[in-house]
Protein backbone atom coordinates (compact mmCIF):
# COMPACT_ATOMS: atom_id res chain seq x y z
CA UNK A 1 48.65 17.53 114.00
CA UNK A 2 49.22 14.01 115.29
CA UNK A 3 51.34 13.18 118.30
CA UNK A 4 54.53 11.17 118.25
CA UNK A 5 52.72 8.71 120.51
CA UNK A 6 50.21 7.95 117.75
CA UNK A 7 53.03 7.44 115.27
CA UNK A 8 54.74 5.03 117.67
CA UNK A 9 51.47 3.14 118.10
CA UNK A 10 51.17 3.04 114.32
CA UNK A 11 54.65 1.56 113.94
CA UNK A 12 53.86 -1.16 116.49
CA UNK A 13 50.53 -2.03 114.90
CA UNK A 14 51.97 -2.13 111.36
CA UNK A 15 54.88 -4.29 112.54
CA UNK A 16 52.30 -6.66 114.02
CA UNK A 17 50.58 -6.87 110.64
CA UNK A 18 47.46 -4.80 111.23
CA UNK A 19 45.79 -3.34 108.13
CA UNK A 20 45.53 0.40 107.51
CA UNK A 21 41.75 0.16 107.98
CA UNK A 22 42.05 -1.41 111.44
CA UNK A 23 44.76 1.02 112.49
CA UNK A 24 42.72 3.99 111.22
CA UNK A 25 39.74 2.86 113.29
CA UNK A 26 41.84 2.24 116.41
CA UNK A 27 43.96 5.40 116.28
CA UNK A 28 41.27 7.59 114.71
CA UNK A 29 43.67 8.72 111.99
CA UNK A 30 42.80 8.88 108.29
CA UNK A 31 44.00 6.12 106.01
CA UNK A 32 45.89 8.54 103.70
CA UNK A 33 47.79 9.85 106.74
CA UNK A 34 48.68 6.29 107.74
CA UNK A 35 49.91 5.54 104.23
CA UNK A 36 52.15 8.59 104.40
CA UNK A 37 53.43 7.54 107.83
CA UNK A 38 54.10 4.10 106.39
CA UNK A 39 56.41 5.66 103.79
CA UNK A 40 58.11 7.91 106.34
CA UNK A 41 58.49 5.22 109.01
CA UNK A 42 59.17 2.20 106.79
CA UNK A 43 62.61 1.61 108.32
CA UNK A 44 61.21 1.70 111.88
CA UNK A 45 58.44 -0.73 110.93
CA UNK A 46 60.93 -3.13 109.28
CA UNK A 47 63.28 -2.97 112.27
CA UNK A 48 60.53 -3.66 114.77
CA UNK A 49 59.17 -6.50 112.65
CA UNK A 50 62.68 -8.01 112.41
CA UNK A 51 63.13 -7.68 116.17
CA UNK A 52 59.84 -9.50 116.77
CA UNK A 53 60.78 -12.25 114.30
CA UNK A 54 64.18 -12.68 115.98
CA UNK A 55 62.50 -12.98 119.38
CA UNK A 56 60.12 -15.64 118.04
CA UNK A 57 63.00 -17.57 116.46
CA UNK A 58 64.93 -17.48 119.72
CA UNK A 59 61.88 -18.65 121.66
CA UNK A 60 61.30 -21.47 119.16
CA UNK A 61 64.93 -22.59 119.35
CA UNK A 62 64.86 -22.66 123.15
CA UNK A 63 61.65 -24.71 123.05
CA UNK A 64 63.14 -27.06 120.47
CA UNK A 65 66.34 -27.46 122.53
CA UNK A 66 64.30 -28.26 125.65
CA UNK A 67 62.29 -30.84 123.75
CA UNK A 68 65.48 -32.44 122.42
CA UNK A 69 66.95 -32.54 125.94
CA UNK A 70 63.83 -34.31 127.25
CA UNK A 71 63.94 -36.79 124.37
CA UNK A 72 67.65 -37.48 124.98
CA UNK A 73 66.98 -37.97 128.69
CA UNK A 74 64.10 -40.38 128.04
CA UNK A 75 66.13 -42.27 125.45
CA UNK A 76 69.01 -42.60 127.92
CA UNK A 77 66.63 -44.05 130.54
CA UNK A 78 65.25 -46.53 128.01
CA UNK A 79 68.78 -47.51 126.97
CA UNK A 80 69.79 -47.97 130.62
CA UNK A 81 66.81 -50.25 131.18
CA UNK A 82 67.55 -52.22 128.01
CA UNK A 83 71.17 -52.66 129.12
CA UNK A 84 69.93 -54.29 132.34
CA UNK A 85 67.90 -56.90 130.49
CA UNK A 86 68.89 -60.00 128.65
CA UNK A 87 67.14 -61.13 125.50
CA UNK A 88 66.63 -64.75 126.49
CA UNK A 89 62.85 -64.48 126.31
CA UNK A 90 62.84 -62.81 122.85
CA UNK A 91 62.22 -65.24 119.96
CA UNK A 92 65.13 -65.69 117.50
CA UNK A 93 63.07 -64.31 114.60
CA UNK A 94 62.40 -61.10 116.54
CA UNK A 95 66.10 -60.78 117.48
CA UNK A 96 67.05 -61.13 113.80
CA UNK A 97 64.49 -58.44 112.85
CA UNK A 98 65.87 -56.13 115.51
CA UNK A 99 69.42 -56.78 114.35
CA UNK A 100 68.46 -55.89 110.78
CA UNK A 101 66.77 -52.68 111.89
CA UNK A 102 69.71 -51.69 114.07
CA UNK A 103 72.21 -52.37 111.28
CA UNK A 104 70.15 -50.27 108.86
CA UNK A 105 69.99 -47.40 111.39
CA UNK A 106 73.71 -47.74 112.08
CA UNK A 107 74.58 -47.65 108.37
CA UNK A 108 72.33 -44.63 107.85
CA UNK A 109 74.03 -42.78 110.70
CA UNK A 110 77.47 -43.83 109.49
CA UNK A 111 76.80 -42.59 105.95
CA UNK A 112 75.21 -39.37 107.28
CA UNK A 113 78.22 -38.66 109.50
CA UNK A 114 80.57 -39.13 106.52
CA UNK A 115 78.62 -36.48 104.56
CA UNK A 116 79.23 -33.89 107.26
């Protein structure tokens, strides 16, 4: 008879994606027994897998939010520096190119905001 501890280890390993062969070798339990446990404990395996996926999603979102905050902060610093400068040393052709790019970005943002 196998202990509940082995079954718990099995659930964790299956939720992590280990194959029956690897689990059988690690837990020293026959593959047919593991297949039966898989049927019996399918709900536990699914729940643990979902919990792990949720934790990864949350971690990813936090990382993404932090990255966006850093980007916003850097962009604000760049904009502050640009606001301090005049464009007297920038050639007219370059100013016209920049104006065109800014207008295109503005129009894109304006249209995008209307869609939402």
